[in-house]
Amino acid sequence: MKQNKVHVLKSLNLVRSNSNNTSELLLIEAIGISYGVKLGVPKLVPVSSNGNDSVFELDFVLSGEVSAISKDAEYSIKVVYKLDELPSNIAAVKVNAVQNADIIIISDYRILKNNLDLV
């Protein structure tokens, strides 16, 4: 299936839940813009790494081709990861687009205590 990277990353946000009842969850929210491309399904696809990276790097892509559009399109995506299933050495999350990227250091993200209503 064809995947095209989103052209511009407009915003990136991380939210972590801190509940005593379940695993800690990490919500990654991204908004991006694509210029005059075919509509697709937004995805955050992990970039291959050697396992020693402290940055969890993702490409913001559009998967599939539904129909042609002539205007710019804005895409929003929210993805939830269980923190205990990610490598323990991760110190930041980075999301890539064609023209830019953004990175958030993990110590900078918000903590929601006992709130699992992330999506």
N, C-alpha and C. Protein backbone atom coordinates (compact mmCIF):
# COMPACT_ATOMS: atom_id res chain seq x y z
N MET A 1 0.84 -1.17 0.00
CA MET A 1 0.00 0.00 0.00
C MET A 1 0.89 1.24 0.00
N LYS A 2 0.56 2.20 -0.88
CA LYS A 2 1.36 3.41 -1.01
C LYS A 2 1.20 4.32 0.21
N GLN A 3 2.31 4.90 0.65
CA GLN A 3 2.28 5.83 1.77
C GLN A 3 3.02 7.10 1.37
N ASN A 4 2.38 8.24 1.57
CA ASN A 4 2.99 9.54 1.32
C ASN A 4 3.10 10.28 2.63
N LYS A 5 4.27 10.90 2.87
CA LYS A 5 4.44 11.69 4.09
C LYS A 5 3.60 12.96 4.01
N VAL A 6 3.03 13.35 5.14
CA VAL A 6 2.35 14.63 5.26
C VAL A 6 3.40 15.72 5.00
N HIS A 7 3.00 16.81 4.32
CA HIS A 7 3.97 17.85 3.95
C HIS A 7 4.47 18.67 5.14
N VAL A 8 3.54 19.13 5.97
CA VAL A 8 3.91 20.01 7.09
C VAL A 8 3.28 19.50 8.38
N LEU A 9 4.10 19.38 9.41
CA LEU A 9 3.60 19.06 10.75
C LEU A 9 3.21 20.37 11.40
N LYS A 10 1.93 20.50 11.72
CA LYS A 10 1.41 21.75 12.29
C LYS A 10 1.51 21.77 13.81
N SER A 11 1.26 20.62 14.44
CA SER A 11 1.39 20.58 15.90
C SER A 11 1.64 19.15 16.37
N LEU A 12 2.26 19.05 17.53
CA LEU A 12 2.55 17.77 18.17
C LEU A 12 2.33 17.94 19.65
N ASN A 13 1.65 16.96 20.26
CA ASN A 13 1.38 17.01 21.69
C ASN A 13 1.48 15.60 22.27
N LEU A 14 2.00 15.50 23.46
CA LEU A 14 2.08 14.23 24.18
C LEU A 14 1.31 14.37 25.48
N VAL A 15 0.58 13.32 25.83
CA VAL A 15 -0.12 13.28 27.12
C VAL A 15 0.10 11.90 27.71
N ARG A 16 0.43 11.85 28.97
CA ARG A 16 0.64 10.57 29.66
C ARG A 16 -0.40 10.40 30.74
N SER A 17 -1.01 9.21 30.80
CA SER A 17 -1.91 8.92 31.90
C SER A 17 -1.10 8.27 33.00
N ASN A 18 -1.46 8.54 34.22
CA ASN A 18 -0.75 7.99 35.36
C ASN A 18 -1.79 7.40 36.30
N SER A 19 -2.21 6.18 36.00
CA SER A 19 -3.26 5.54 36.79
C SER A 19 -2.69 4.36 37.55
N ASN A 20 -3.19 4.13 38.73
CA ASN A 20 -2.72 2.99 39.53
C ASN A 20 -3.34 1.68 39.07
N ASN A 21 -4.42 1.76 38.28
CA ASN A 21 -5.15 0.57 37.89
C ASN A 21 -4.65 -0.10 36.61
N THR A 22 -3.98 0.64 35.74
CA THR A 22 -3.54 0.10 34.46
C THR A 22 -2.12 0.54 34.16
N SER A 23 -1.59 0.05 33.04
CA SER A 23 -0.29 0.50 32.56
C SER A 23 -0.36 1.98 32.22
N GLU A 24 0.78 2.67 32.36
CA GLU A 24 0.82 4.05 31.92
C GLU A 24 0.65 4.11 30.41
N LEU A 25 -0.13 5.09 29.97
CA LEU A 25 -0.39 5.25 28.55
C LEU A 25 0.21 6.55 28.06
N LEU A 26 0.69 6.55 26.82
CA LEU A 26 1.23 7.74 26.18
C LEU A 26 0.38 8.03 24.96
N LEU A 27 -0.28 9.19 24.96
CA LEU A 27 -1.07 9.63 23.83
C LEU A 27 -0.21 10.57 22.99
N ILE A 28 -0.08 10.27 21.71
CA ILE A 28 0.62 11.15 20.77
C ILE A 28 -0.43 11.74 19.85
N GLU A 29 -0.54 13.06 19.85
CA GLU A 29 -1.48 13.78 18.99
C GLU A 29 -0.69 14.59 17.98
N ALA A 30 -1.02 14.45 16.70
CA ALA A 30 -0.33 15.21 15.66
C ALA A 30 -1.35 15.77 14.68
N ILE A 31 -1.07 16.97 14.18
CA ILE A 31 -1.86 17.59 13.12
C ILE A 31 -0.90 17.98 12.02
N GLY A 32 -1.26 17.62 10.78
CA GLY A 32 -0.40 17.94 9.65
C GLY A 32 -1.22 18.36 8.44
N ILE A 33 -0.53 18.95 7.46
CA ILE A 33 -1.17 19.43 6.24
C ILE A 33 -0.50 18.79 5.04
N SER A 34 -1.32 18.35 4.08
CA SER A 34 -0.82 17.86 2.80
C SER A 34 -1.36 18.75 1.70
N TYR A 35 -0.53 19.01 0.71
CA TYR A 35 -0.88 19.92 -0.37
C TYR A 35 -1.28 19.17 -1.62
N GLY A 36 -2.54 19.33 -2.04
CA GLY A 36 -3.03 18.83 -3.31
C GLY A 36 -2.71 17.38 -3.61
N VAL A 37 -2.77 16.53 -2.61
CA VAL A 37 -2.49 15.11 -2.82
C VAL A 37 -3.79 14.34 -2.70
N LYS A 38 -3.72 13.07 -2.94
CA LYS A 38 -4.91 12.24 -2.80
C LYS A 38 -5.22 12.05 -1.32
N LEU A 39 -6.51 11.92 -1.04
CA LEU A 39 -6.93 11.68 0.34
C LEU A 39 -6.40 10.33 0.80
N GLY A 40 -6.12 10.21 2.06
CA GLY A 40 -5.65 8.95 2.61
C GLY A 40 -5.95 8.85 4.08
N VAL A 41 -5.53 7.76 4.67
CA VAL A 41 -5.73 7.51 6.09
C VAL A 41 -4.45 7.92 6.82
N PRO A 42 -4.53 8.85 7.79
CA PRO A 42 -3.33 9.27 8.50
C PRO A 42 -2.81 8.17 9.42
N LYS A 43 -1.49 8.02 9.45
CA LYS A 43 -0.84 7.05 10.33
C LYS A 43 0.47 7.62 10.85
N LEU A 44 0.85 7.18 12.04
CA LEU A 44 2.19 7.46 12.57
C LEU A 44 2.96 6.15 12.51
N VAL A 45 3.98 6.11 11.65
CA VAL A 45 4.72 4.89 11.39
C VAL A 45 6.10 4.98 12.03
N PRO A 46 6.44 4.06 12.93
CA PRO A 46 7.77 4.09 13.55
C PRO A 46 8.88 3.97 12.50
N VAL A 47 9.93 4.77 12.70
CA VAL A 47 11.11 4.74 11.84
C VAL A 47 12.04 3.66 12.38
N SER A 48 12.61 2.89 11.48
CA SER A 48 13.54 1.83 11.91
C SER A 48 14.71 2.43 12.67
N SER A 49 15.09 1.76 13.73
CA SER A 49 16.24 2.22 14.52
C SER A 49 17.08 1.01 14.90
N ASN A 50 18.26 1.31 15.42
CA ASN A 50 19.16 0.23 15.82
C ASN A 50 18.89 -0.27 17.23
N GLY A 51 17.83 0.26 17.88
CA GLY A 51 17.47 -0.19 19.22
C GLY A 51 18.18 0.57 20.32
N ASN A 52 19.19 1.37 19.97
CA ASN A 52 19.93 2.13 20.98
C ASN A 52 19.48 3.59 21.03
N ASP A 53 18.58 3.98 20.14
CA ASP A 53 18.14 5.37 20.10
C ASP A 53 17.30 5.71 21.31
N SER A 54 17.49 6.92 21.82
CA SER A 54 16.67 7.39 22.94
C SER A 54 15.50 8.23 22.44
N VAL A 55 15.35 8.32 21.11
CA VAL A 55 14.25 9.06 20.50
C VAL A 55 13.32 8.09 19.80
N PHE A 56 12.05 8.11 20.15
CA PHE A 56 11.03 7.31 19.47
C PHE A 56 10.58 8.14 18.28
N GLU A 57 11.04 7.75 17.08
CA GLU A 57 10.83 8.55 15.88
C GLU A 57 9.73 7.94 15.01
N LEU A 58 8.82 8.80 14.55
CA LEU A 58 7.67 8.38 13.76
C LEU A 58 7.54 9.25 12.51
N ASP A 59 7.15 8.64 11.38
CA ASP A 59 6.81 9.39 10.18
C ASP A 59 5.30 9.57 10.16
N PHE A 60 4.84 10.79 9.87
CA PHE A 60 3.41 11.09 9.73
C PHE A 60 3.07 10.89 8.25
N VAL A 61 2.36 9.81 7.95
CA VAL A 61 2.09 9.45 6.56
C VAL A 61 0.58 9.34 6.30
N LEU A 62 0.25 9.36 5.01
CA LEU A 62 -1.10 9.06 4.54
C LEU A 62 -1.01 7.76 3.79
N SER A 63 -1.84 6.82 4.17
CA SER A 63 -1.81 5.48 3.58
C SER A 63 -3.00 5.32 2.65
N GLY A 64 -2.76 4.74 1.48
CA GLY A 64 -3.83 4.49 0.52
C GLY A 64 -4.17 5.73 -0.28
N GLU A 65 -5.00 5.55 -1.29
CA GLU A 65 -5.45 6.66 -2.13
C GLU A 65 -6.93 6.49 -2.38
N VAL A 66 -7.73 7.45 -1.92
CA VAL A 66 -9.17 7.34 -2.04
C VAL A 66 -9.66 8.16 -3.23
N SER A 67 -9.37 9.46 -3.24
CA SER A 67 -9.79 10.31 -4.35
C SER A 67 -8.91 11.55 -4.39
N ALA A 68 -8.82 12.13 -5.58
CA ALA A 68 -7.99 13.32 -5.75
C ALA A 68 -8.69 14.54 -5.16
N ILE A 69 -7.92 15.45 -4.63
CA ILE A 69 -8.45 16.71 -4.12
C ILE A 69 -7.62 17.84 -4.71
N SER A 70 -8.18 19.02 -4.78
CA SER A 70 -7.44 20.14 -5.34
C SER A 70 -7.02 21.14 -4.29
N LYS A 71 -7.53 20.98 -3.08
CA LYS A 71 -7.18 21.89 -1.99
C LYS A 71 -6.23 21.20 -1.02
N ASP A 72 -5.65 22.01 -0.16
CA ASP A 72 -4.83 21.46 0.92
C ASP A 72 -5.75 20.75 1.90
N ALA A 73 -5.25 19.70 2.52
CA ALA A 73 -6.05 18.95 3.48
C ALA A 73 -5.31 18.88 4.81
N GLU A 74 -6.05 19.07 5.91
CA GLU A 74 -5.47 18.97 7.24
C GLU A 74 -5.87 17.62 7.83
N TYR A 75 -4.90 16.94 8.41
CA TYR A 75 -5.13 15.62 9.01
C TYR A 75 -4.76 15.66 10.48
N SER A 76 -5.58 14.99 11.28
CA SER A 76 -5.33 14.89 12.72
C SER A 76 -5.30 13.42 13.09
N ILE A 77 -4.38 13.07 13.97
CA ILE A 77 -4.30 11.67 14.41
C ILE A 77 -3.96 11.64 15.89
N LYS A 78 -4.52 10.65 16.56
CA LYS A 78 -4.21 10.38 17.96
C LYS A 78 -3.89 8.90 18.07
N VAL A 79 -2.74 8.59 18.66
CA VAL A 79 -2.29 7.21 18.82
C VAL A 79 -1.91 7.01 20.28
N VAL A 80 -2.35 5.89 20.86
CA VAL A 80 -2.04 5.59 22.26
C VAL A 80 -1.09 4.39 22.33
N TYR A 81 -0.01 4.53 23.08
CA TYR A 81 0.94 3.45 23.32
C TYR A 81 0.99 3.14 24.81
N LYS A 82 1.18 1.87 25.15
CA LYS A 82 1.47 1.50 26.53
C LYS A 82 2.95 1.76 26.75
N LEU A 83 3.26 2.56 27.76
CA LEU A 83 4.66 2.92 28.01
C LEU A 83 5.53 1.70 28.30
N ASP A 84 4.98 0.70 28.98
CA ASP A 84 5.80 -0.47 29.32
C ASP A 84 6.10 -1.35 28.10
N GLU A 85 5.46 -1.07 26.95
CA GLU A 85 5.75 -1.82 25.73
C GLU A 85 6.75 -1.10 24.82
N LEU A 86 7.13 0.12 25.19
CA LEU A 86 8.14 0.87 24.45
C LEU A 86 9.50 0.63 25.10
N PRO A 87 10.59 0.78 24.34
CA PRO A 87 11.91 0.63 24.95
C PRO A 87 12.09 1.56 26.14
N SER A 88 12.73 1.08 27.18
CA SER A 88 12.85 1.85 28.42
C SER A 88 13.80 3.04 28.31
N ASN A 89 14.65 3.08 27.27
CA ASN A 89 15.62 4.17 27.15
C ASN A 89 15.09 5.36 26.36
N ILE A 90 13.82 5.38 26.00
CA ILE A 90 13.27 6.48 25.21
C ILE A 90 13.20 7.74 26.07
N ALA A 91 13.78 8.84 25.55
CA ALA A 91 13.78 10.11 26.26
C ALA A 91 12.97 11.18 25.53
N ALA A 92 12.58 10.91 24.27
CA ALA A 92 11.85 11.91 23.49
C ALA A 92 11.05 11.22 22.40
N VAL A 93 10.06 11.96 21.89
CA VAL A 93 9.25 11.51 20.76
C VAL A 93 9.43 12.53 19.64
N LYS A 94 9.72 12.04 18.43
CA LYS A 94 9.90 12.91 17.26
C LYS A 94 8.95 12.46 16.17
N VAL A 95 8.27 13.43 15.53
CA VAL A 95 7.38 13.14 14.41
C VAL A 95 7.89 13.91 13.20
N ASN A 96 8.04 13.20 12.06
CA ASN A 96 8.59 13.77 10.83
C ASN A 96 7.51 14.02 9.79
N ALA A 97 7.61 15.14 9.08
CA ALA A 97 6.83 15.43 7.88
C ALA A 97 7.85 15.72 6.78
N VAL A 98 7.38 16.03 5.57
CA VAL A 98 8.31 16.31 4.47
C VAL A 98 9.12 17.58 4.74
N GLN A 99 8.46 18.65 5.16
CA GLN A 99 9.13 19.95 5.28
C GLN A 99 9.63 20.28 6.68
N ASN A 100 9.18 19.54 7.68
CA ASN A 100 9.62 19.84 9.04
C ASN A 100 9.42 18.63 9.94
N ALA A 101 9.80 18.80 11.18
CA ALA A 101 9.64 17.76 12.21
C ALA A 101 9.53 18.47 13.55
N ASP A 102 9.06 17.74 14.55
CA ASP A 102 9.01 18.29 15.90
C ASP A 102 9.40 17.18 16.86
N ILE A 103 10.00 17.59 17.96
CA ILE A 103 10.43 16.63 18.97
C ILE A 103 10.04 17.16 20.34
N ILE A 104 9.55 16.26 21.19
CA ILE A 104 9.20 16.64 22.56
C ILE A 104 9.97 15.74 23.51
N ILE A 105 10.69 16.36 24.43
CA ILE A 105 11.41 15.63 25.46
C ILE A 105 10.38 15.07 26.44
N ILE A 106 10.53 13.83 26.81
CA ILE A 106 9.52 13.16 27.63
C ILE A 106 9.28 13.88 28.95
N SER A 107 10.28 14.46 29.56
CA SER A 107 10.08 15.15 30.84
C SER A 107 9.21 16.40 30.68
N ASP A 108 8.99 16.85 29.42
CA ASP A 108 8.18 18.04 29.18
C ASP A 108 6.70 17.76 29.01
N TYR A 109 6.30 16.47 28.85
CA TYR A 109 4.89 16.24 28.55
C TYR A 109 4.03 16.23 29.80
N ARG A 110 2.74 16.53 29.59
CA ARG A 110 1.78 16.65 30.70
C ARG A 110 1.45 15.28 31.27
N ILE A 111 1.16 15.25 32.54
CA ILE A 111 0.72 14.01 33.20
C ILE A 111 -0.72 14.21 33.64
N LEU A 112 -1.58 13.29 33.23
CA LEU A 112 -2.96 13.29 33.69
C LEU A 112 -3.11 12.20 34.73
N LYS A 113 -3.35 12.55 35.96
CA LYS A 113 -3.46 11.56 37.01
C LYS A 113 -4.86 10.95 37.04
N ASN A 114 -4.90 9.63 37.02
CA ASN A 114 -6.15 8.87 37.11
C ASN A 114 -7.18 9.31 36.07
N ASN A 115 -6.73 9.62 34.87
CA ASN A 115 -7.63 10.00 33.79
C ASN A 115 -7.32 9.13 32.58
N LEU A 116 -8.22 8.23 32.25
CA LEU A 116 -8.00 7.35 31.12
C LEU A 116 -8.81 7.76 29.91
N ASP A 117 -9.49 8.87 29.97
CA ASP A 117 -10.27 9.35 28.84
C ASP A 117 -9.36 10.14 27.90
N LEU A 118 -8.45 9.41 27.22
CA LEU A 118 -7.45 10.06 26.39
C LEU A 118 -7.89 10.29 24.97
N VAL A 119 -8.77 9.48 24.46
CA VAL A 119 -9.13 9.58 23.05
C VAL A 119 -10.51 10.17 22.89
